[in-house]
C-alpha atoms as a PDB file:
ATOM      1  CA  UNK A   1      74.151  47.891  87.268  1.00  0.00           C
ATOM      2  CA  UNK A   2      72.623  51.293  86.562  1.00  0.00           C
ATOM      3  CA  UNK A   3      73.555  52.589  83.098  1.00  0.00           C
ATOM      4  CA  UNK A   4      74.001  56.342  82.853  1.00  0.00           C
ATOM      5  CA  UNK A   5      72.520  57.811  79.685  1.00  0.00           C
ATOM      6  CA  UNK A   6      74.612  60.261  77.668  1.00  0.00           C
ATOM      7  CA  UNK A   7      72.218  60.386  74.709  1.00  0.00           C
ATOM      8  CA  UNK A   8      69.541  58.233  73.076  1.00  0.00           C
ATOM      9  CA  UNK A   9      72.161  56.082  71.386  1.00  0.00           C
ATOM     10  CA  UNK A  10      74.463  55.535  74.359  1.00  0.00           C
ATOM     11  CA  UNK A  11      74.523  54.534  77.995  1.00  0.00           C
ATOM     12  CA  UNK A  12      77.761  54.139  79.933  1.00  0.00           C
ATOM     13  CA  UNK A  13      78.933  52.564  83.147  1.00  0.00           C
ATOM     14  CA  UNK A  14      81.557  50.492  84.916  1.00  0.00           C
ATOM     15  CA  UNK A  15      82.967  47.056  84.119  1.00  0.00           C
ATOM     16  CA  UNK A  16      80.450  44.404  83.113  1.00  0.00           C
ATOM     17  CA  UNK A  17      80.646  40.707  83.805  1.00  0.00           C
ATOM     18  CA  UNK A  18      79.547  38.069  81.316  1.00  0.00           C
ATOM     19  CA  UNK A  19      76.622  37.282  83.634  1.00  0.00           C
ATOM     20  CA  UNK A  20      75.264  40.843  83.236  1.00  0.00           C
ATOM     21  CA  UNK A  21      74.862  40.705  79.455  1.00  0.00           C
ATOM     22  CA  UNK A  22      71.399  39.165  79.516  1.00  0.00           C
ATOM     23  CA  UNK A  23      70.155  41.803  81.971  1.00  0.00           C
ATOM     24  CA  UNK A  24      71.583  44.508  79.733  1.00  0.00           C
ATOM     25  CA  UNK A  25      69.650  43.075  76.780  1.00  0.00           C
ATOM     26  CA  UNK A  26      66.500  42.970  78.916  1.00  0.00           C
ATOM     27  CA  UNK A  27      66.976  46.682  79.647  1.00  0.00           C
ATOM     28  CA  UNK A  28      66.700  47.331  75.911  1.00  0.00           C
ATOM     29  CA  UNK A  29      70.326  47.668  74.901  1.00  0.00           C
ATOM     30  CA  UNK A  30      71.234  46.169  71.532  1.00  0.00           C
ATOM     31  CA  UNK A  31      75.050  46.336  71.659  1.00  0.00           C
ATOM     32  CA  UNK A  32      78.067  46.653  73.936  1.00  0.00           C
ATOM     33  CA  UNK A  33      81.362  48.516  73.463  1.00  0.00           C
ATOM     34  CA  UNK A  34      84.145  47.406  75.788  1.00  0.00           C
ATOM     35  CA  UNK A  35      86.766  50.153  76.278  1.00  0.00           C
ATOM     36  CA  UNK A  36      89.050  48.213  78.632  1.00  0.00           C
ATOM     37  CA  UNK A  37      92.250  46.536  77.485  1.00  0.00           C
ATOM     38  CA  UNK A  38      92.469  42.876  78.463  1.00  0.00           C
ATOM     39  CA  UNK A  39      94.494  42.296  81.630  1.00  0.00           C
ATOM     40  CA  UNK A  40      94.103  45.837  82.940  1.00  0.00           C
ATOM     41  CA  UNK A  41      93.130  44.490  86.362  1.00  0.00           C
ATOM     42  CA  UNK A  42      93.398  41.022  87.933  1.00  0.00           C
ATOM     43  CA  UNK A  43      90.159  39.063  87.688  1.00  0.00           C
ATOM     44  CA  UNK A  44      88.757  41.205  84.902  1.00  0.00           C
ATOM     45  CA  UNK A  45      86.878  39.164  82.262  1.00  0.00           C
ATOM     46  CA  UNK A  46      88.570  39.029  78.874  1.00  0.00           C
ATOM     47  CA  UNK A  47      87.113  40.639  75.795  1.00  0.00           C
ATOM     48  CA  UNK A  48      86.571  37.159  74.305  1.00  0.00           C
ATOM     49  CA  UNK A  49      84.532  36.081  77.362  1.00  0.00           C
ATOM     50  CA  UNK A  50      82.469  39.255  77.236  1.00  0.00           C
ATOM     51  CA  UNK A  51      81.908  38.986  73.494  1.00  0.00           C
ATOM     52  CA  UNK A  52      80.696  35.391  73.805  1.00  0.00           C
ATOM     53  CA  UNK A  53      78.265  36.371  76.570  1.00  0.00           C
ATOM     54  CA  UNK A  54      77.057  39.405  74.615  1.00  0.00           C
ATOM     55  CA  UNK A  55      76.393  37.321  71.515  1.00  0.00           C
ATOM     56  CA  UNK A  56      74.612  34.667  73.608  1.00  0.00           C
ATOM     57  CA  UNK A  57      72.330  37.448  74.876  1.00  0.00           C
ATOM     58  CA  UNK A  58      71.690  38.668  71.314  1.00  0.00           C
ATOM     59  CA  UNK A  59      73.861  41.774  71.645  1.00  0.00           C
ATOM     60  CA  UNK A  60      76.306  43.255  69.170  1.00  0.00           C
ATOM     61  CA  UNK A  61      79.825  43.719  70.505  1.00  0.00           C
ATOM     62  CA  UNK A  62      82.922  45.803  69.824  1.00  0.00           C
ATOM     63  CA  UNK A  63      86.222  46.100  71.667  1.00  0.00           C
ATOM     64  CA  UNK A  64      87.974  49.477  71.632  1.00  0.00           C
ATOM     65  CA  UNK A  65      90.784  48.990  74.171  1.00  0.00           C
ATOM     66  CA  UNK A  66      91.733  52.347  75.668  1.00  0.00           C
ATOM     67  CA  UNK A  67      94.434  52.920  78.265  1.00  0.00           C
ATOM     68  CA  UNK A  68      93.446  55.530  80.897  1.00  0.00           C
ATOM     69  CA  UNK A  69      94.697  58.962  79.899  1.00  0.00           C
ATOM     70  CA  UNK A  70      95.565  57.853  76.358  1.00  0.00           C
ATOM     71  CA  UNK A  71      92.609  58.725  74.173  1.00  0.00           C
ATOM     72  CA  UNK A  72      94.279  58.668  70.769  1.00  0.00           C
ATOM     73  CA  UNK A  73      92.901  58.968  67.263  1.00  0.00           C
ATOM     74  CA  UNK A  74      92.829  55.181  66.880  1.00  0.00           C
ATOM     75  CA  UNK A  75      90.524  54.811  69.891  1.00  0.00           C
ATOM     76  CA  UNK A  76      88.340  57.756  68.902  1.00  0.00           C
ATOM     77  CA  UNK A  77      87.892  56.418  65.367  1.00  0.00           C
ATOM     78  CA  UNK A  78      87.254  52.899  66.675  1.00  0.00           C
ATOM     79  CA  UNK A  79      84.598  54.128  69.093  1.00  0.00           C
ATOM     80  CA  UNK A  80      82.944  56.272  66.420  1.00  0.00           C
ATOM     81  CA  UNK A  81      82.914  53.310  64.026  1.00  0.00           C
ATOM     82  CA  UNK A  82      81.368  51.059  66.679  1.00  0.00           C
ATOM     83  CA  UNK A  83      78.603  53.590  67.362  1.00  0.00           C
ATOM     84  CA  UNK A  84      77.941  53.948  63.632  1.00  0.00           C
ATOM     85  CA  UNK A  85      77.835  50.214  62.877  1.00  0.00           C
ATOM     86  CA  UNK A  86      76.340  48.536  65.959  1.00  0.00           C
ATOM     87  CA  UNK A  87      72.601  48.281  66.604  1.00  0.00           C
ATOM     88  CA  UNK A  88      71.445  50.964  69.037  1.00  0.00           C
ATOM     89  CA  UNK A  89      71.117  51.750  71.830  1.00  0.00           C
ATOM     90  CA  UNK A  90      74.668  50.880  72.857  1.00  0.00           C
ATOM     91  CA  UNK A  91      76.080  50.388  76.346  1.00  0.00           C
ATOM     92  CA  UNK A  92      79.769  51.211  76.663  1.00  0.00           C
ATOM     93  CA  UNK A  93      81.931  50.490  79.667  1.00  0.00           C
ATOM     94  CA  UNK A  94      85.402  50.745  81.096  1.00  0.00           C
ATOM     95  CA  UNK A  95      86.478  50.555  84.731  1.00  0.00           C
ATOM     96  CA  UNK A  96      84.213  53.442  85.816  1.00  0.00           C
ATOM     97  CA  UNK A  97      82.583  54.765  82.629  1.00  0.00           C
ATOM     98  CA  UNK A  98      84.919  57.763  82.331  1.00  0.00           C
ATOM     99  CA  UNK A  99      86.835  56.547  79.252  1.00  0.00           C
ATOM    100  CA  UNK A 100      83.586  55.585  77.537  1.00  0.00           C
ATOM    101  CA  UNK A 101      82.135  59.042  78.274  1.00  0.00           C
ATOM    102  CA  UNK A 102      85.321  60.747  77.102  1.00  0.00           C
ATOM    103  CA  UNK A 103      85.425  58.791  73.844  1.00  0.00           C
ATOM    104  CA  UNK A 104      81.797  59.658  73.166  1.00  0.00           C
ATOM    105  CA  UNK A 105      82.489  63.351  73.811  1.00  0.00           C
ATOM    106  CA  UNK A 106      85.490  63.339  71.485  1.00  0.00           C
ATOM    107  CA  UNK A 107      83.408  61.639  68.769  1.00  0.00           C
ATOM    108  CA  UNK A 108      80.245  63.719  69.100  1.00  0.00           C
ATOM    109  CA  UNK A 109      81.649  67.004  70.388  1.00  0.00           C
ATOM    110  CA  UNK A 110      82.414  68.501  66.972  1.00  0.00           C
ATOM    111  CA  UNK A 111      78.793  67.974  65.968  1.00  0.00           C
ATOM    112  CA  UNK A 112      77.038  68.750  69.279  1.00  0.00           C
ATOM    113  CA  UNK A 113      79.438  71.303  70.744  1.00  0.00           C
ATOM    114  CA  UNK A 114      81.881  71.001  73.603  1.00  0.00           C
ATOM    115  CA  UNK A 115      79.587  72.551  76.208  1.00  0.00           C
ATOM    116  CA  UNK A 116      76.739  70.156  75.388  1.00  0.00           C
ATOM    117  CA  UNK A 117      78.790  66.955  75.561  1.00  0.00           C
ATOM    118  CA  UNK A 118      80.606  68.117  78.696  1.00  0.00           C
ATOM    119  CA  UNK A 119      77.245  68.955  80.272  1.00  0.00           C
ATOM    120  CA  UNK A 120      75.679  65.613  79.372  1.00  0.00           C
ATOM    121  CA  UNK A 121      78.690  63.781  80.803  1.00  0.00           C
ATOM    122  CA  UNK A 122      78.483  65.896  83.974  1.00  0.00           C
ATOM    123  CA  UNK A 123      74.773  65.067  84.302  1.00  0.00           C
ATOM    124  CA  UNK A 124      75.785  61.393  84.207  1.00  0.00           C
ATOM    125  CA  UNK A 125      78.443  61.952  86.883  1.00  0.00           C
ATOM    126  CA  UNK A 126      81.568  62.223  84.716  1.00  0.00           C
ATOM    127  CA  UNK A 127      83.765  65.331  84.783  1.00  0.00           C
ATOM    128  CA  UNK A 128      85.354  65.554  81.348  1.00  0.00           C
ATOM    129  CA  UNK A 129      85.806  69.343  81.271  1.00  0.00           C
ATOM    130  CA  UNK A 130      89.579  68.911  80.802  1.00  0.00           C
ATOM    131  CA  UNK A 131      88.840  67.575  77.304  1.00  0.00           C
ATOM    132  CA  UNK A 132      87.279  70.855  76.131  1.00  0.00           C
ATOM    133  CA  UNK A 133      90.351  71.987  74.140  1.00  0.00           C
ATOM    134  CA  UNK A 134      90.341  68.673  72.250  1.00  0.00           C
ATOM    135  CA  UNK A 135      86.614  68.704  71.583  1.00  0.00           C
ATOM    136  CA  UNK A 136      86.696  72.031  69.748  1.00  0.00           C
END
């Protein structure tokens, strides 16, 4: 697993398994934010399984379930709260990393500017340009 860095506080990537939590901690991450709803895909580990593995590896954990294409205020506020409260740096994941990148951009865009967050996401391999009107 190769995390993609969006900023000092956050790396993103695809679905994690419980077995990868220790390696994530060894890479220097302090917390994990899971953006996938439970049961989104057959065989996907549950949030409870991932949280137990994260805690066993000494990582903080938050679950901000986000359905693809439905980045609402509840998810944005939940993600922002997780970033504010969890020890950093944080690794956030979803199926591919796109939702995690999008949530970060919607949280940090008003402060950093739409072009900057869109550019950082693009540098990490995520095209979130369609969110520009929402970022402001």
